[in-house]
Amino acid sequence: MEYSKAFLIGGGICALVQILMEKTKLMPGRIMVLLVCLGAVLSFLGIYDPFVEFAGAGASVPLLGFGHVLMNGVKEAIGEDGIMGLFTGGFRAGAAGCSAALIFGYLASLIFKPKMKK
C-alpha cells in the first residue's frame, strides 16, 4: 500500500506540474524554482511534514521535497549556529542529494555514451 500511495501522490504532483507547463507560458526553469520555493514555504508553515509522513517517497522525491529538505536544514542550522545557519543550513542539507545526482549522472554518462543534440 505504501508503494501505491507514493506512486499516486508523486504522479499527481507530476501531473499537476505538467498541466501547469502546458497551460501557462512559464518556462520549465521558473516552474522548478516555484516548486522548490513552494516546498520550502509549506515546510516553514508545518504543512509538508505531515504530508511526507502520509505520502512517503511520493512527497519527498519531487522538487517540492527538495525545498522541504532545504528548509529543514536551515531550521536545524539556525538552532545550532544562530544566524549563520541561515546561510549554511541549506548547503549542508542538500549536499548529499546533489552530490549523488552528479556522481550517478557522471557514471551513467560513462556507461551510455551520451551524444550532443543537434
PDB file of N, CA and C in Angstrom:
ATOM      1  N   MET A   1       0.822  -1.194   0.000  1.00  0.00           N
ATOM      2  CA  MET A   1       0.000   0.000   0.000  1.00  0.00           C
ATOM      3  C   MET A   1       0.867   1.260   0.000  1.00  0.00           C
ATOM      4  N   GLU A   2       2.005   1.176   0.685  1.00  0.00           N
ATOM      5  CA  GLU A   2       2.907   2.327   0.768  1.00  0.00           C
ATOM      6  C   GLU A   2       3.434   2.730  -0.609  1.00  0.00           C
ATOM      7  N   TYR A   3       3.756   1.722  -1.426  1.00  0.00           N
ATOM      8  CA  TYR A   3       4.248   1.999  -2.770  1.00  0.00           C
ATOM      9  C   TYR A   3       3.160   2.627  -3.636  1.00  0.00           C
ATOM     10  N   SER A   4       1.935   2.123  -3.488  1.00  0.00           N
ATOM     11  CA  SER A   4       0.823   2.666  -4.269  1.00  0.00           C
ATOM     12  C   SER A   4       0.561   4.125  -3.911  1.00  0.00           C
ATOM     13  N   LYS A   5       0.593   4.402  -2.605  1.00  0.00           N
ATOM     14  CA  LYS A   5       0.359   5.775  -2.155  1.00  0.00           C
ATOM     15  C   LYS A   5       1.449   6.704  -2.694  1.00  0.00           C
ATOM     16  N   ALA A   6       2.710   6.267  -2.606  1.00  0.00           N
ATOM     17  CA  ALA A   6       3.808   7.087  -3.112  1.00  0.00           C
ATOM     18  C   ALA A   6       3.675   7.308  -4.613  1.00  0.00           C
ATOM     19  N   PHE A   7       3.308   6.260  -5.335  1.00  0.00           N
ATOM     20  CA  PHE A   7       3.156   6.374  -6.782  1.00  0.00           C
ATOM     21  C   PHE A   7       2.031   7.342  -7.145  1.00  0.00           C
ATOM     22  N   LEU A   8       0.897   7.217  -6.470  1.00  0.00           N
ATOM     23  CA  LEU A   8      -0.245   8.074  -6.786  1.00  0.00           C
ATOM     24  C   LEU A   8       0.002   9.532  -6.397  1.00  0.00           C
ATOM     25  N   ILE A   9       0.590   9.769  -5.228  1.00  0.00           N
ATOM     26  CA  ILE A   9       0.844  11.145  -4.795  1.00  0.00           C
ATOM     27  C   ILE A   9       1.928  11.776  -5.670  1.00  0.00           C
ATOM     28  N   GLY A  10       3.041  11.075  -5.871  1.00  0.00           N
ATOM     29  CA  GLY A  10       4.118  11.601  -6.711  1.00  0.00           C
ATOM     30  C   GLY A  10       3.661  11.813  -8.144  1.00  0.00           C
ATOM     31  N   GLY A  11       2.882  10.867  -8.667  1.00  0.00           N
ATOM     32  CA  GLY A  11       2.349  11.014 -10.016  1.00  0.00           C
ATOM     33  C   GLY A  11       1.368  12.170 -10.115  1.00  0.00           C
ATOM     34  N   GLY A  12       0.589  12.375  -9.061  1.00  0.00           N
ATOM     35  CA  GLY A  12      -0.340  13.500  -9.041  1.00  0.00           C
ATOM     36  C   GLY A  12       0.385  14.835  -9.060  1.00  0.00           C
ATOM     37  N   ILE A  13       1.455  14.924  -8.278  1.00  0.00           N
ATOM     38  CA  ILE A  13       2.266  16.152  -8.275  1.00  0.00           C
ATOM     39  C   ILE A  13       2.836  16.394  -9.670  1.00  0.00           C
ATOM     40  N   CYS A  14       3.389  15.348 -10.270  1.00  0.00           N
ATOM     41  CA  CYS A  14       3.971  15.490 -11.607  1.00  0.00           C
ATOM     42  C   CYS A  14       2.905  15.846 -12.646  1.00  0.00           C
ATOM     43  N   ALA A  15       1.719  15.273 -12.524  1.00  0.00           N
ATOM     44  CA  ALA A  15       0.641  15.584 -13.460  1.00  0.00           C
ATOM     45  C   ALA A  15       0.214  17.049 -13.326  1.00  0.00           C
ATOM     46  N   LEU A  16       0.105  17.538 -12.089  1.00  0.00           N
ATOM     47  CA  LEU A  16      -0.251  18.945 -11.887  1.00  0.00           C
ATOM     48  C   LEU A  16       0.801  19.880 -12.472  1.00  0.00           C
ATOM     49  N   VAL A  17       2.057  19.514 -12.305  1.00  0.00           N
ATOM     50  CA  VAL A  17       3.131  20.336 -12.862  1.00  0.00           C
ATOM     51  C   VAL A  17       3.092  20.294 -14.388  1.00  0.00           C
ATOM     52  N   GLN A  18       2.806  19.134 -14.944  1.00  0.00           N
ATOM     53  CA  GLN A  18       2.709  19.030 -16.403  1.00  0.00           C
ATOM     54  C   GLN A  18       1.574  19.893 -16.935  1.00  0.00           C
ATOM     55  N   ILE A  19       0.449  19.900 -16.241  1.00  0.00           N
ATOM     56  CA  ILE A  19      -0.673  20.760 -16.632  1.00  0.00           C
ATOM     57  C   ILE A  19      -0.255  22.223 -16.545  1.00  0.00           C
ATOM     58  N   LEU A  20       0.451  22.583 -15.477  1.00  0.00           N
ATOM     59  CA  LEU A  20       0.939  23.953 -15.326  1.00  0.00           C
ATOM     60  C   LEU A  20       1.862  24.332 -16.482  1.00  0.00           C
ATOM     61  N   MET A  21       2.709  23.409 -16.902  1.00  0.00           N
ATOM     62  CA  MET A  21       3.614  23.685 -18.014  1.00  0.00           C
ATOM     63  C   MET A  21       2.854  23.852 -19.328  1.00  0.00           C
ATOM     64  N   GLU A  22       1.819  23.052 -19.526  1.00  0.00           N
ATOM     65  CA  GLU A  22       1.070  23.092 -20.780  1.00  0.00           C
ATOM     66  C   GLU A  22       0.146  24.315 -20.869  1.00  0.00           C
ATOM     67  N   LYS A  23      -0.444  24.712 -19.757  1.00  0.00           N
ATOM     68  CA  LYS A  23      -1.484  25.744 -19.770  1.00  0.00           C
ATOM     69  C   LYS A  23      -0.965  27.155 -19.504  1.00  0.00           C
ATOM     70  N   THR A  24       0.284  27.304 -19.103  1.00  0.00           N
ATOM     71  CA  THR A  24       0.841  28.633 -18.849  1.00  0.00           C
ATOM     72  C   THR A  24       2.037  28.847 -19.756  1.00  0.00           C
ATOM     73  N   LYS A  25       2.511  30.074 -19.783  1.00  0.00           N
ATOM     74  CA  LYS A  25       3.697  30.397 -20.578  1.00  0.00           C
ATOM     75  C   LYS A  25       4.959  30.380 -19.722  1.00  0.00           C
ATOM     76  N   LEU A  26       4.857  29.809 -18.517  1.00  0.00           N
ATOM     77  CA  LEU A  26       6.029  29.743 -17.647  1.00  0.00           C
ATOM     78  C   LEU A  26       7.066  28.789 -18.226  1.00  0.00           C
ATOM     79  N   MET A  27       8.314  29.187 -18.153  1.00  0.00           N
ATOM     80  CA  MET A  27       9.410  28.341 -18.619  1.00  0.00           C
ATOM     81  C   MET A  27       9.670  27.253 -17.577  1.00  0.00           C
ATOM     82  N   PRO A  28      10.176  26.084 -17.997  1.00  0.00           N
ATOM     83  CA  PRO A  28      10.406  24.991 -17.050  1.00  0.00           C
ATOM     84  C   PRO A  28      11.309  25.374 -15.872  1.00  0.00           C
ATOM     85  N   GLY A  29      12.317  26.187 -16.113  1.00  0.00           N
ATOM     86  CA  GLY A  29      13.205  26.600 -15.021  1.00  0.00           C
ATOM     87  C   GLY A  29      12.463  27.392 -13.959  1.00  0.00           C
ATOM     88  N   ARG A  30      11.558  28.233 -14.374  1.00  0.00           N
ATOM     89  CA  ARG A  30      10.775  29.023 -13.409  1.00  0.00           C
ATOM     90  C   ARG A  30       9.817  28.137 -12.633  1.00  0.00           C
ATOM     91  N   ILE A  31       9.262  27.150 -13.297  1.00  0.00           N
ATOM     92  CA  ILE A  31       8.371  26.219 -12.603  1.00  0.00           C
ATOM     93  C   ILE A  31       9.156  25.418 -11.575  1.00  0.00           C
ATOM     94  N   MET A  32      10.373  25.015 -11.918  1.00  0.00           N
ATOM     95  CA  MET A  32      11.203  24.275 -10.963  1.00  0.00           C
ATOM     96  C   MET A  32      11.517  25.129  -9.739  1.00  0.00           C
ATOM     97  N   VAL A  33      11.865  26.382  -9.951  1.00  0.00           N
ATOM     98  CA  VAL A  33      12.136  27.288  -8.826  1.00  0.00           C
ATOM     99  C   VAL A  33      10.870  27.481  -7.998  1.00  0.00           C
ATOM    100  N   LEU A  34       9.728  27.618  -8.666  1.00  0.00           N
ATOM    101  CA  LEU A  34       8.454  27.759  -7.972  1.00  0.00           C
ATOM    102  C   LEU A  34       8.178  26.555  -7.079  1.00  0.00           C
ATOM    103  N   LEU A  35       8.451  25.357  -7.570  1.00  0.00           N
ATOM    104  CA  LEU A  35       8.217  24.146  -6.785  1.00  0.00           C
ATOM    105  C   LEU A  35       9.127  24.070  -5.564  1.00  0.00           C
ATOM    106  N   VAL A  36      10.400  24.386  -5.744  1.00  0.00           N
ATOM    107  CA  VAL A  36      11.327  24.362  -4.610  1.00  0.00           C
ATOM    108  C   VAL A  36      10.903  25.382  -3.555  1.00  0.00           C
ATOM    109  N   CYS A  37      10.553  26.576  -4.000  1.00  0.00           N
ATOM    110  CA  CYS A  37      10.109  27.618  -3.062  1.00  0.00           C
ATOM    111  C   CYS A  37       8.806  27.228  -2.375  1.00  0.00           C
ATOM    112  N   LEU A  38       7.877  26.621  -3.120  1.00  0.00           N
ATOM    113  CA  LEU A  38       6.623  26.182  -2.531  1.00  0.00           C
ATOM    114  C   LEU A  38       6.865  25.107  -1.475  1.00  0.00           C
ATOM    115  N   GLY A  39       7.773  24.178  -1.761  1.00  0.00           N
ATOM    116  CA  GLY A  39       8.118  23.155  -0.771  1.00  0.00           C
ATOM    117  C   GLY A  39       8.715  23.753   0.483  1.00  0.00           C
ATOM    118  N   ALA A  40       9.555  24.781   0.319  1.00  0.00           N
ATOM    119  CA  ALA A  40      10.161  25.448   1.474  1.00  0.00           C
ATOM    120  C   ALA A  40       9.108  26.186   2.289  1.00  0.00           C
ATOM    121  N   VAL A  41       8.186  26.859   1.612  1.00  0.00           N
ATOM    122  CA  VAL A  41       7.137  27.608   2.318  1.00  0.00           C
ATOM    123  C   VAL A  41       6.203  26.650   3.053  1.00  0.00           C
ATOM    124  N   LEU A  42       5.805  25.567   2.396  1.00  0.00           N
ATOM    125  CA  LEU A  42       4.941  24.587   3.056  1.00  0.00           C
ATOM    126  C   LEU A  42       5.643  23.943   4.251  1.00  0.00           C
ATOM    127  N   SER A  43       6.938  23.742   4.138  1.00  0.00           N
ATOM    128  CA  SER A  43       7.712  23.212   5.259  1.00  0.00           C
ATOM    129  C   SER A  43       7.765  24.213   6.400  1.00  0.00           C
ATOM    130  N   PHE A  44       7.986  25.476   6.073  1.00  0.00           N
ATOM    131  CA  PHE A  44       8.031  26.534   7.081  1.00  0.00           C
ATOM    132  C   PHE A  44       6.704  26.629   7.836  1.00  0.00           C
ATOM    133  N   LEU A  45       5.600  26.458   7.111  1.00  0.00           N
ATOM    134  CA  LEU A  45       4.276  26.545   7.723  1.00  0.00           C
ATOM    135  C   LEU A  45       3.891  25.280   8.492  1.00  0.00           C
ATOM    136  N   GLY A  46       4.721  24.233   8.394  1.00  0.00           N
ATOM    137  CA  GLY A  46       4.442  22.993   9.111  1.00  0.00           C
ATOM    138  C   GLY A  46       3.461  22.081   8.396  1.00  0.00           C
ATOM    139  N   ILE A  47       3.188  22.349   7.137  1.00  0.00           N
ATOM    140  CA  ILE A  47       2.228  21.548   6.372  1.00  0.00           C
ATOM    141  C   ILE A  47       2.909  20.359   5.705  1.00  0.00           C
ATOM    142  N   TYR A  48       4.162  20.504   5.325  1.00  0.00           N
ATOM    143  CA  TYR A  48       4.801  19.478   4.499  1.00  0.00           C
ATOM    144  C   TYR A  48       5.213  18.244   5.287  1.00  0.00           C
ATOM    145  N   ASP A  49       5.566  18.372   6.570  1.00  0.00           N
ATOM    146  CA  ASP A  49       5.945  17.199   7.367  1.00  0.00           C
ATOM    147  C   ASP A  49       4.832  16.158   7.441  1.00  0.00           C
ATOM    148  N   PRO A  50       3.598  16.544   7.790  1.00  0.00           N
ATOM    149  CA  PRO A  50       2.529  15.537   7.794  1.00  0.00           C
ATOM    150  C   PRO A  50       2.267  14.951   6.403  1.00  0.00           C
ATOM    151  N   PHE A  51       2.447  15.776   5.372  1.00  0.00           N
ATOM    152  CA  PHE A  51       2.254  15.301   4.003  1.00  0.00           C
ATOM    153  C   PHE A  51       3.295  14.242   3.648  1.00  0.00           C
ATOM    154  N   VAL A  52       4.552  14.446   4.062  1.00  0.00           N
ATOM    155  CA  VAL A  52       5.607  13.464   3.807  1.00  0.00           C
ATOM    156  C   VAL A  52       5.339  12.177   4.587  1.00  0.00           C
ATOM    157  N   GLU A  53       4.868  12.303   5.819  1.00  0.00           N
ATOM    158  CA  GLU A  53       4.541  11.104   6.599  1.00  0.00           C
ATOM    159  C   GLU A  53       3.440  10.298   5.930  1.00  0.00           C
ATOM    160  N   PHE A  54       2.474  10.982   5.338  1.00  0.00           N
ATOM    161  CA  PHE A  54       1.374  10.295   4.658  1.00  0.00           C
ATOM    162  C   PHE A  54       1.817   9.699   3.327  1.00  0.00           C
ATOM    163  N   ALA A  55       2.489  10.484   2.501  1.00  0.00           N
ATOM    164  CA  ALA A  55       2.782  10.080   1.123  1.00  0.00           C
ATOM    165  C   ALA A  55       4.130   9.401   0.947  1.00  0.00           C
ATOM    166  N   GLY A  56       5.035   9.508   1.901  1.00  0.00           N
ATOM    167  CA  GLY A  56       6.343   8.876   1.785  1.00  0.00           C
ATOM    168  C   GLY A  56       7.159   9.456   0.646  1.00  0.00           C
ATOM    169  N   ALA A  57       7.718   8.557  -0.168  1.00  0.00           N
ATOM    170  CA  ALA A  57       8.586   8.988  -1.265  1.00  0.00           C
ATOM    171  C   ALA A  57       7.832   9.786  -2.319  1.00  0.00           C
ATOM    172  N   GLY A  58       6.528   9.638  -2.398  1.00  0.00           N
ATOM    173  CA  GLY A  58       5.735  10.408  -3.352  1.00  0.00           C
ATOM    174  C   GLY A  58       5.781  11.898  -3.078  1.00  0.00           C
ATOM    175  N   ALA A  59       6.071  12.261  -1.831  1.00  0.00           N
ATOM    176  CA  ALA A  59       6.160  13.676  -1.473  1.00  0.00           C
ATOM    177  C   ALA A  59       7.597  14.126  -1.270  1.00  0.00           C
ATOM    178  N   SER A  60       8.495  13.203  -0.960  1.00  0.00           N
ATOM    179  CA  SER A  60       9.867  13.622  -0.661  1.00  0.00           C
ATOM    180  C   SER A  60      10.775  13.635  -1.882  1.00  0.00           C
ATOM    181  N   VAL A  61      10.412  12.936  -2.943  1.00  0.00           N
ATOM    182  CA  VAL A  61      11.277  12.870  -4.120  1.00  0.00           C
ATOM    183  C   VAL A  61      11.116  14.051  -5.078  1.00  0.00           C
ATOM    184  N   PRO A  62       9.890  14.537  -5.374  1.00  0.00           N
ATOM    185  CA  PRO A  62       9.780  15.664  -6.319  1.00  0.00           C
ATOM    186  C   PRO A  62      10.455  16.937  -5.801  1.00  0.00           C
ATOM    187  N   LEU A  63      10.483  17.952  -6.621  1.00  0.00           N
ATOM    188  CA  LEU A  63      11.154  19.204  -6.258  1.00  0.00           C
ATOM    189  C   LEU A  63      10.558  19.864  -5.028  1.00  0.00           C
ATOM    190  N   LEU A  64       9.292  19.628  -4.755  1.00  0.00           N
ATOM    191  CA  LEU A  64       8.711  20.125  -3.512  1.00  0.00           C
ATOM    192  C   LEU A  64       9.489  19.574  -2.319  1.00  0.00           C
ATOM    193  N   GLY A  65       9.873  18.319  -2.408  1.00  0.00           N
ATOM    194  CA  GLY A  65      10.643  17.680  -1.343  1.00  0.00           C
ATOM    195  C   GLY A  65      12.022  18.294  -1.174  1.00  0.00           C
ATOM    196  N   PHE A  66      12.623  18.767  -2.270  1.00  0.00           N
ATOM    197  CA  PHE A  66      13.934  19.413  -2.163  1.00  0.00           C
ATOM    198  C   PHE A  66      13.825  20.719  -1.388  1.00  0.00           C
ATOM    199  N   GLY A  67      12.774  21.484  -1.638  1.00  0.00           N
ATOM    200  CA  GLY A  67      12.544  22.703  -0.868  1.00  0.00           C
ATOM    201  C   GLY A  67      12.335  22.393   0.600  1.00  0.00           C
ATOM    202  N   HIS A  68      11.637  21.306   0.877  1.00  0.00           N
ATOM    203  CA  HIS A  68      11.404  20.862   2.256  1.00  0.00           C
ATOM    204  C   HIS A  68      12.722  20.494   2.937  1.00  0.00           C
ATOM    205  N   VAL A  69      13.575  19.776   2.231  1.00  0.00           N
ATOM    206  CA  VAL A  69      14.888  19.406   2.783  1.00  0.00           C
ATOM    207  C   VAL A  69      15.720  20.647   3.085  1.00  0.00           C
ATOM    208  N   LEU A  70      15.727  21.594   2.160  1.00  0.00           N
ATOM    209  CA  LEU A  70      16.484  22.826   2.375  1.00  0.00           C
ATOM    210  C   LEU A  70      15.975  23.586   3.595  1.00  0.00           C
ATOM    211  N   MET A  71      14.665  23.709   3.727  1.00  0.00           N
ATOM    212  CA  MET A  71      14.096  24.445   4.857  1.00  0.00           C
ATOM    213  C   MET A  71      14.392  23.745   6.177  1.00  0.00           C
ATOM    214  N   ASN A  72      14.296  22.414   6.203  1.00  0.00           N
ATOM    215  CA  ASN A  72      14.631  21.689   7.435  1.00  0.00           C
ATOM    216  C   ASN A  72      16.092  21.879   7.796  1.00  0.00           C
ATOM    217  N   GLY A  73      16.970  21.873   6.799  1.00  0.00           N
ATOM    218  CA  GLY A  73      18.392  22.108   7.053  1.00  0.00           C
ATOM    219  C   GLY A  73      18.646  23.492   7.618  1.00  0.00           C
ATOM    220  N   VAL A  74      17.953  24.474   7.092  1.00  0.00           N
ATOM    221  CA  VAL A  74      18.107  25.847   7.586  1.00  0.00           C
ATOM    222  C   VAL A  74      17.599  25.952   9.020  1.00  0.00           C
ATOM    223  N   LYS A  75      16.445  25.341   9.307  1.00  0.00           N
ATOM    224  CA  LYS A  75      15.893  25.383  10.669  1.00  0.00           C
ATOM    225  C   LYS A  75      16.858  24.758  11.675  1.00  0.00           C
ATOM    226  N   GLU A  76      17.418  23.595  11.326  1.00  0.00           N
ATOM    227  CA  GLU A  76      18.362  22.920  12.222  1.00  0.00           C
ATOM    228  C   GLU A  76      19.627  23.743  12.413  1.00  0.00           C
ATOM    229  N   ALA A  77      20.144  24.292  11.330  1.00  0.00           N
ATOM    230  CA  ALA A  77      21.393  25.055  11.413  1.00  0.00           C
ATOM    231  C   ALA A  77      21.210  26.344  12.194  1.00  0.00           C
ATOM    232  N   ILE A  78      20.058  26.978  12.083  1.00  0.00           N
ATOM    233  CA  ILE A  78      19.805  28.186  12.867  1.00  0.00           C
ATOM    234  C   ILE A  78      19.782  27.842  14.353  1.00  0.00           C
ATOM    235  N   GLY A  79      19.203  26.693  14.692  1.00  0.00           N
ATOM    236  CA  GLY A  79      19.196  26.252  16.082  1.00  0.00           C
ATOM    237  C   GLY A  79      20.594  25.984  16.619  1.00  0.00           C
ATOM    238  N   GLU A  80      21.490  25.500  15.766  1.00  0.00           N
ATOM    239  CA  GLU A  80      22.852  25.165  16.194  1.00  0.00           C
ATOM    240  C   GLU A  80      23.803  26.367  16.109  1.00  0.00           C
ATOM    241  N   ASP A  81      23.749  27.090  14.987  1.00  0.00           N
ATOM    242  CA  ASP A  81      24.755  28.120  14.699  1.00  0.00           C
ATOM    243  C   ASP A  81      24.219  29.545  14.760  1.00  0.00           C
ATOM    244  N   GLY A  82      22.963  29.719  15.064  1.00  0.00           N
ATOM    245  CA  GLY A  82      22.400  31.064  15.078  1.00  0.00           C
ATOM    246  C   GLY A  82      22.161  31.565  13.669  1.00  0.00           C
ATOM    247  N   ILE A  83      22.337  32.843  13.470  1.00  0.00           N
ATOM    248  CA  ILE A  83      22.020  33.469  12.190  1.00  0.00           C
ATOM    249  C   ILE A  83      22.889  32.951  11.043  1.00  0.00           C
ATOM    250  N   MET A  84      24.087  32.471  11.341  1.00  0.00           N
ATOM    251  CA  MET A  84      24.944  31.907  10.281  1.00  0.00           C
ATOM    252  C   MET A  84      24.335  30.644   9.682  1.00  0.00           C
ATOM    253  N   GLY A  85      23.488  29.959  10.447  1.00  0.00           N
ATOM    254  CA  GLY A  85      22.810  28.780   9.936  1.00  0.00           C
ATOM    255  C   GLY A  85      21.883  29.096   8.781  1.00  0.00           C
ATOM    256  N   LEU A  86      21.442  30.337   8.702  1.00  0.00           N
ATOM    257  CA  LEU A  86      20.604  30.773   7.599  1.00  0.00           C
ATOM    258  C   LEU A  86      21.344  30.607   6.268  1.00  0.00           C
ATOM    259  N   PHE A  87      22.648  30.797   6.300  1.00  0.00           N
ATOM    260  CA  PHE A  87      23.458  30.718   5.080  1.00  0.00           C
ATOM    261  C   PHE A  87      24.040  29.330   4.833  1.00  0.00           C
ATOM    262  N   THR A  88      24.235  28.539   5.882  1.00  0.00           N
ATOM    263  CA  THR A  88      24.910  27.252   5.726  1.00  0.00           C
ATOM    264  C   THR A  88      23.981  26.048   5.756  1.00  0.00           C
ATOM    265  N   GLY A  89      22.811  26.180   6.371  1.00  0.00           N
ATOM    266  CA  GLY A  89      21.929  25.034   6.580  1.00  0.00           C
ATOM    267  C   GLY A  89      21.458  24.369   5.303  1.00  0.00           C
ATOM    268  N   GLY A  90      21.066  25.151   4.329  1.00  0.00           N
ATOM    269  CA  GLY A  90      20.598  24.583   3.072  1.00  0.00           C
ATOM    270  C   GLY A  90      21.681  23.827   2.333  1.00  0.00           C
ATOM    271  N   PHE A  91      22.907  24.342   2.412  1.00  0.00           N
ATOM    272  CA  PHE A  91      24.018  23.662   1.741  1.00  0.00           C
ATOM    273  C   PHE A  91      24.304  22.306   2.379  1.00  0.00           C
ATOM    274  N   ARG A  92      24.314  22.285   3.705  1.00  0.00           N
ATOM    275  CA  ARG A  92      24.568  21.023   4.401  1.00  0.00           C
ATOM    276  C   ARG A  92      23.463  20.011   4.141  1.00  0.00           C
ATOM    277  N   ALA A  93      22.225  20.476   4.155  1.00  0.00           N
ATOM    278  CA  ALA A  93      21.098  19.558   3.978  1.00  0.00           C
ATOM    279  C   ALA A  93      21.012  19.013   2.557  1.00  0.00           C
ATOM    280  N   GLY A  94      21.316  19.822   1.575  1.00  0.00           N
ATOM    281  CA  GLY A  94      21.175  19.406   0.184  1.00  0.00           C
ATOM    282  C   GLY A  94      22.416  18.814  -0.440  1.00  0.00           C
ATOM    283  N   ALA A  95      23.532  18.819   0.278  1.00  0.00           N
ATOM    284  CA  ALA A  95      24.805  18.400  -0.310  1.00  0.00           C
ATOM    285  C   ALA A  95      24.811  16.934  -0.724  1.00  0.00           C
ATOM    286  N   ALA A  96      24.283  16.051   0.098  1.00  0.00           N
ATOM    287  CA  ALA A  96      24.328  14.621  -0.221  1.00  0.00           C
ATOM    288  C   ALA A  96      23.514  14.315  -1.473  1.00  0.00           C
ATOM    289  N   GLY A  97      22.313  14.872  -1.572  1.00  0.00           N
ATOM    290  CA  GLY A  97      21.475  14.613  -2.738  1.00  0.00           C
ATOM    291  C   GLY A  97      22.066  15.171  -4.017  1.00  0.00           C
ATOM    292  N   CYS A  98      22.612  16.370  -3.950  1.00  0.00           N
ATOM    293  CA  CYS A  98      23.227  16.978  -5.140  1.00  0.00           C
ATOM    294  C   CYS A  98      24.472  16.209  -5.554  1.00  0.00           C
ATOM    295  N   SER A  99      25.267  15.812  -4.585  1.00  0.00           N
ATOM    296  CA  SER A  99      26.475  15.031  -4.888  1.00  0.00           C
ATOM    297  C   SER A  99      26.114  13.698  -5.522  1.00  0.00           C
ATOM    298  N   ALA A 100      25.109  13.037  -4.979  1.00  0.00           N
ATOM    299  CA  ALA A 100      24.687  11.753  -5.548  1.00  0.00           C
ATOM    300  C   ALA A 100      24.202  11.928  -6.978  1.00  0.00           C
ATOM    301  N   ALA A 101      23.436  12.986  -7.240  1.00  0.00           N
ATOM    302  CA  ALA A 101      22.946  13.227  -8.601  1.00  0.00           C
ATOM    303  C   ALA A 101      24.105  13.442  -9.569  1.00  0.00           C
ATOM    304  N   LEU A 102      25.096  14.205  -9.153  1.00  0.00           N
ATOM    305  CA  LEU A 102      26.258  14.443 -10.012  1.00  0.00           C
ATOM    306  C   LEU A 102      27.050  13.164 -10.256  1.00  0.00           C
ATOM    307  N   ILE A 103      27.301  12.408  -9.206  1.00  0.00           N
ATOM    308  CA  ILE A 103      28.103  11.183  -9.337  1.00  0.00           C
ATOM    309  C   ILE A 103      27.381  10.156 -10.200  1.00  0.00           C
ATOM    310  N   PHE A 104      26.093   9.909  -9.923  1.00  0.00           N
ATOM    311  CA  PHE A 104      25.366   8.911 -10.706  1.00  0.00           C
ATOM    312  C   PHE A 104      25.131   9.376 -12.138  1.00  0.00           C
ATOM    313  N   GLY A 105      24.949  10.666 -12.342  1.00  0.00           N
ATOM    314  CA  GLY A 105      24.837  11.194 -13.691  1.00  0.00           C
ATOM    315  C   GLY A 105      26.120  10.990 -14.481  1.00  0.00           C
ATOM    316  N   TYR A 106      27.248  11.230 -13.814  1.00  0.00           N
ATOM    317  CA  TYR A 106      28.542  11.020 -14.477  1.00  0.00           C
ATOM    318  C   TYR A 106      28.751   9.543 -14.805  1.00  0.00           C
ATOM    319  N   LEU A 107      28.444   8.659 -13.844  1.00  0.00           N
ATOM    320  CA  LEU A 107      28.592   7.227 -14.098  1.00  0.00           C
ATOM    321  C   LEU A 107      27.688   6.767 -15.245  1.00  0.00           C
ATOM    322  N   ALA A 108      26.468   7.283 -15.299  1.00  0.00           N
ATOM    323  CA  ALA A 108      25.558   6.933 -16.393  1.00  0.00           C
ATOM    324  C   ALA A 108      26.114   7.418 -17.726  1.00  0.00           C
ATOM    325  N   SER A 109      26.765   8.580 -17.725  1.00  0.00           N
ATOM    326  CA  SER A 109      27.331   9.085 -18.987  1.00  0.00           C
ATOM    327  C   SER A 109      28.499   8.226 -19.450  1.00  0.00           C
ATOM    328  N   LEU A 110      29.215   7.617 -18.523  1.00  0.00           N
ATOM    329  CA  LEU A 110      30.298   6.710 -18.907  1.00  0.00           C
ATOM    330  C   LEU A 110      29.762   5.418 -19.500  1.00  0.00           C
ATOM    331  N   ILE A 111      28.669   4.946 -18.971  1.00  0.00           N
ATOM    332  CA  ILE A 111      28.101   3.677 -19.423  1.00  0.00           C
ATOM    333  C   ILE A 111      27.373   3.831 -20.761  1.00  0.00           C
ATOM    334  N   PHE A 112      26.585   4.899 -20.916  1.00  0.00           N
ATOM    335  CA  PHE A 112      25.699   5.013 -22.076  1.00  0.00           C
ATOM    336  C   PHE A 112      26.229   5.911 -23.197  1.00  0.00           C
ATOM    337  N   LYS A 113      27.347   6.533 -23.040  1.00  0.00           N
ATOM    338  CA  LYS A 113      27.969   7.351 -24.086  1.00  0.00           C
ATOM    339  C   LYS A 113      26.987   8.366 -24.690  1.00  0.00           C
ATOM    340  N   PRO A 114      26.642   9.416 -23.975  1.00  0.00           N
ATOM    341  CA  PRO A 114      25.670  10.386 -24.496  1.00  0.00           C
ATOM    342  C   PRO A 114      26.218  11.163 -25.687  1.00  0.00           C
ATOM    343  N   LYS A 115      25.318  11.640 -26.508  1.00  0.00           N
ATOM    344  CA  LYS A 115      25.684  12.458 -27.661  1.00  0.00           C
ATOM    345  C   LYS A 115      25.032  13.814 -27.522  1.00  0.00           C
ATOM    346  N   MET A 116      25.654  14.820 -28.086  1.00  0.00           N
ATOM    347  CA  MET A 116      25.097  16.184 -28.058  1.00  0.00           C
ATOM    348  C   MET A 116      23.915  16.261 -29.020  1.00  0.00           C
ATOM    349  N   LYS A 117      22.912  17.060 -28.661  1.00  0.00           N
ATOM    350  CA  LYS A 117      21.781  17.277 -29.564  1.00  0.00           C
ATOM    351  C   LYS A 117      22.211  18.220 -30.675  1.00  0.00           C
ATOM    352  N   LYS A 118      21.615  18.035 -31.838  1.00  0.00           N
ATOM    353  CA  LYS A 118      21.949  18.894 -32.984  1.00  0.00           C
ATOM    354  C   LYS A 118      20.816  19.790 -33.315  1.00  0.00           C
TER     355      LYS A 118
END
